[in-house]
Amino acid sequence: MQNDLFLVVGVIILVFTVPAIVSAFSEGRPPRIAAIMLLISGGLIAIALTQKPGGYSFEDIPQAFVRVIGHYLR
């Protein structure tokens, strides 16, 4: 379950990183916060991929989201 949580949080942070990078470049400023967010999300995803026996495939990502959401809504 903890690996699923790392993967889900990493993917969510990664999704929020893309608009931050685009915004920083469009305004002509360095994307410092976006780069930090990218490193954090990459680290969380890497931890999840290496700690789960057998790793994750692309088909496992939606199931991981469902497991994490289901765990916290129960």
N, C-alpha and C. Protein backbone atom coordinates (compact mmCIF):
# COMPACT_ATOMS: atom_id res chain seq x y z
N MET A 1 0.82 -1.20 0.00
CA MET A 1 0.00 0.00 0.00
C MET A 1 0.86 1.26 0.00
N GLN A 2 1.97 1.23 0.72
CA GLN A 2 2.81 2.41 0.79
C GLN A 2 3.43 2.72 -0.58
N ASN A 3 3.79 1.68 -1.32
CA ASN A 3 4.34 1.89 -2.65
C ASN A 3 3.30 2.51 -3.58
N ASP A 4 2.05 2.06 -3.45
CA ASP A 4 0.98 2.66 -4.24
C ASP A 4 0.82 4.14 -3.91
N LEU A 5 0.91 4.47 -2.63
CA LEU A 5 0.78 5.87 -2.21
C LEU A 5 1.92 6.71 -2.79
N PHE A 6 3.14 6.20 -2.74
CA PHE A 6 4.27 6.93 -3.33
C PHE A 6 4.05 7.16 -4.82
N LEU A 7 3.58 6.14 -5.51
CA LEU A 7 3.34 6.26 -6.95
C LEU A 7 2.25 7.29 -7.24
N VAL A 8 1.16 7.24 -6.51
CA VAL A 8 0.03 8.14 -6.76
C VAL A 8 0.43 9.59 -6.45
N VAL A 9 1.08 9.82 -5.33
CA VAL A 9 1.50 11.18 -4.98
C VAL A 9 2.52 11.69 -6.00
N GLY A 10 3.44 10.83 -6.42
CA GLY A 10 4.43 11.22 -7.42
C GLY A 10 3.80 11.60 -8.74
N VAL A 11 2.82 10.84 -9.18
CA VAL A 11 2.14 11.14 -10.44
C VAL A 11 1.34 12.45 -10.33
N ILE A 12 0.68 12.65 -9.20
CA ILE A 12 -0.10 13.89 -9.01
C ILE A 12 0.83 15.10 -9.01
N ILE A 13 1.94 15.03 -8.32
CA ILE A 13 2.89 16.15 -8.32
C ILE A 13 3.44 16.37 -9.72
N LEU A 14 3.70 15.29 -10.45
CA LEU A 14 4.20 15.40 -11.82
C LEU A 14 3.19 16.11 -12.72
N VAL A 15 1.92 15.83 -12.53
CA VAL A 15 0.88 16.48 -13.34
C VAL A 15 0.84 17.98 -13.04
N PHE A 16 1.02 18.36 -11.79
CA PHE A 16 1.03 19.78 -11.44
C PHE A 16 2.32 20.48 -11.84
N THR A 17 3.36 19.72 -12.11
CA THR A 17 4.64 20.30 -12.51
C THR A 17 4.59 20.85 -13.92
N VAL A 18 3.88 20.19 -14.80
CA VAL A 18 3.85 20.60 -16.21
C VAL A 18 3.33 22.04 -16.37
N PRO A 19 2.18 22.41 -15.79
CA PRO A 19 1.75 23.81 -15.93
C PRO A 19 2.71 24.80 -15.25
N ALA A 20 3.35 24.38 -14.18
CA ALA A 20 4.29 25.27 -13.51
C ALA A 20 5.50 25.55 -14.40
N ILE A 21 5.97 24.54 -15.11
CA ILE A 21 7.10 24.75 -16.02
C ILE A 21 6.70 25.65 -17.18
N VAL A 22 5.55 25.39 -17.76
CA VAL A 22 5.08 26.20 -18.89
C VAL A 22 4.87 27.65 -18.44
N SER A 23 4.31 27.85 -17.27
CA SER A 23 4.09 29.20 -16.76
C SER A 23 5.40 29.93 -16.53
N ALA A 24 6.36 29.24 -15.96
CA ALA A 24 7.65 29.88 -15.69
C ALA A 24 8.34 30.29 -16.98
N PHE A 25 8.34 29.42 -17.97
CA PHE A 25 9.00 29.77 -19.23
C PHE A 25 8.24 30.86 -19.98
N SER A 26 6.92 30.86 -19.91
CA SER A 26 6.16 31.89 -20.63
C SER A 26 6.33 33.26 -20.00
N GLU A 27 6.60 33.31 -18.69
CA GLU A 27 6.82 34.59 -18.02
C GLU A 27 8.28 35.00 -18.00
N GLY A 28 9.15 34.16 -18.54
CA GLY A 28 10.57 34.51 -18.64
C GLY A 28 11.34 34.38 -17.35
N ARG A 29 10.88 33.58 -16.43
CA ARG A 29 11.60 33.39 -15.17
C ARG A 29 12.07 31.95 -15.07
N PRO A 30 13.09 31.71 -14.27
CA PRO A 30 13.59 30.34 -14.15
C PRO A 30 12.60 29.44 -13.40
N PRO A 31 12.44 28.22 -13.85
CA PRO A 31 11.45 27.32 -13.22
C PRO A 31 12.01 26.60 -12.00
N ARG A 32 12.39 27.35 -10.98
CA ARG A 32 13.02 26.75 -9.80
C ARG A 32 12.06 25.83 -9.04
N ILE A 33 10.89 26.32 -8.70
CA ILE A 33 9.92 25.52 -7.95
C ILE A 33 9.48 24.32 -8.77
N ALA A 34 9.28 24.54 -10.07
CA ALA A 34 8.88 23.43 -10.95
C ALA A 34 9.97 22.37 -11.01
N ALA A 35 11.22 22.78 -11.00
CA ALA A 35 12.32 21.81 -11.02
C ALA A 35 12.36 21.01 -9.72
N ILE A 36 12.11 21.68 -8.61
CA ILE A 36 12.07 20.98 -7.32
C ILE A 36 10.91 20.00 -7.30
N MET A 37 9.76 20.42 -7.81
CA MET A 37 8.61 19.52 -7.87
C MET A 37 8.90 18.32 -8.78
N LEU A 38 9.60 18.55 -9.87
CA LEU A 38 9.96 17.47 -10.78
C LEU A 38 10.89 16.47 -10.10
N LEU A 39 11.84 16.96 -9.33
CA LEU A 39 12.75 16.06 -8.60
C LEU A 39 12.00 15.25 -7.54
N ILE A 40 11.10 15.90 -6.82
CA ILE A 40 10.34 15.20 -5.79
C ILE A 40 9.46 14.12 -6.42
N SER A 41 8.76 14.47 -7.49
CA SER A 41 7.88 13.48 -8.12
C SER A 41 8.69 12.35 -8.73
N GLY A 42 9.80 12.66 -9.34
CA GLY A 42 10.65 11.61 -9.89
C GLY A 42 11.19 10.69 -8.81
N GLY A 43 11.56 11.26 -7.67
CA GLY A 43 12.04 10.44 -6.56
C GLY A 43 10.96 9.53 -6.01
N LEU A 44 9.76 10.06 -5.83
CA LEU A 44 8.66 9.24 -5.32
C LEU A 44 8.30 8.11 -6.28
N ILE A 45 8.27 8.42 -7.57
CA ILE A 45 7.96 7.39 -8.55
C ILE A 45 9.07 6.34 -8.60
N ALA A 46 10.31 6.78 -8.51
CA ALA A 46 11.43 5.83 -8.52
C ALA A 46 11.40 4.92 -7.30
N ILE A 47 11.08 5.48 -6.14
CA ILE A 47 10.97 4.66 -4.92
C ILE A 47 9.88 3.63 -5.09
N ALA A 48 8.74 4.05 -5.61
CA ALA A 48 7.62 3.12 -5.80
C ALA A 48 7.98 2.01 -6.78
N LEU A 49 8.65 2.37 -7.86
CA LEU A 49 8.99 1.37 -8.87
C LEU A 49 10.03 0.37 -8.38
N THR A 50 10.97 0.83 -7.57
CA THR A 50 12.03 -0.07 -7.12
C THR A 50 11.65 -0.89 -5.90
N GLN A 51 10.74 -0.40 -5.09
CA GLN A 51 10.40 -1.10 -3.86
C GLN A 51 9.31 -2.16 -4.04
N LYS A 52 8.50 -2.05 -5.07
CA LYS A 52 7.46 -3.05 -5.29
C LYS A 52 8.07 -4.24 -6.04
N PRO A 53 7.90 -5.43 -5.51
CA PRO A 53 8.41 -6.61 -6.22
C PRO A 53 7.72 -6.75 -7.59
N GLY A 54 8.49 -6.82 -8.62
CA GLY A 54 7.93 -6.91 -9.97
C GLY A 54 7.67 -5.56 -10.60
N GLY A 55 7.72 -4.49 -9.84
CA GLY A 55 7.50 -3.15 -10.36
C GLY A 55 6.06 -2.89 -10.78
N TYR A 56 5.86 -1.81 -11.48
CA TYR A 56 4.55 -1.41 -11.98
C TYR A 56 4.58 -1.41 -13.50
N SER A 57 3.46 -1.71 -14.10
CA SER A 57 3.30 -1.50 -15.54
C SER A 57 2.29 -0.37 -15.72
N PHE A 58 2.10 0.07 -16.96
CA PHE A 58 1.15 1.15 -17.19
C PHE A 58 -0.27 0.75 -16.82
N GLU A 59 -0.58 -0.52 -16.93
CA GLU A 59 -1.91 -0.99 -16.57
C GLU A 59 -2.15 -0.96 -15.06
N ASP A 60 -1.09 -0.98 -14.28
CA ASP A 60 -1.21 -0.99 -12.82
C ASP A 60 -1.46 0.39 -12.22
N ILE A 61 -1.17 1.44 -12.96
CA ILE A 61 -1.29 2.80 -12.40
C ILE A 61 -2.73 3.15 -12.04
N PRO A 62 -3.73 2.93 -12.92
CA PRO A 62 -5.11 3.23 -12.49
C PRO A 62 -5.56 2.39 -11.30
N GLN A 63 -5.11 1.14 -11.25
CA GLN A 63 -5.47 0.29 -10.11
C GLN A 63 -4.84 0.81 -8.82
N ALA A 64 -3.64 1.35 -8.92
CA ALA A 64 -3.00 1.93 -7.73
C ALA A 64 -3.79 3.15 -7.24
N PHE A 65 -4.27 3.98 -8.16
CA PHE A 65 -5.10 5.12 -7.78
C PHE A 65 -6.36 4.66 -7.06
N VAL A 66 -7.00 3.64 -7.60
CA VAL A 66 -8.23 3.13 -6.98
C VAL A 66 -7.95 2.57 -5.60
N ARG A 67 -6.85 1.83 -5.45
CA ARG A 67 -6.52 1.26 -4.14
C ARG A 67 -6.24 2.35 -3.11
N VAL A 68 -5.51 3.38 -3.50
CA VAL A 68 -5.18 4.46 -2.56
C VAL A 68 -6.44 5.25 -2.19
N ILE A 69 -7.24 5.62 -3.17
CA ILE A 69 -8.46 6.36 -2.89
C ILE A 69 -9.42 5.52 -2.04
N GLY A 70 -9.55 4.25 -2.40
CA GLY A 70 -10.42 3.35 -1.64
C GLY A 70 -9.97 3.17 -0.21
N HIS A 71 -8.66 3.12 -0.02
CA HIS A 71 -8.12 2.95 1.34
C HIS A 71 -8.46 4.14 2.22
N TYR A 72 -8.37 5.35 1.67
CA TYR A 72 -8.62 6.53 2.47
C TYR A 72 -10.09 6.92 2.58
N LEU A 73 -10.92 6.42 1.67
CA LEU A 73 -12.34 6.70 1.78
C LEU A 73 -13.08 5.69 2.66
N ARG A 74 -12.48 4.53 2.88
CA ARG A 74 -13.11 3.53 3.71
C ARG A 74 -13.08 3.88 5.15
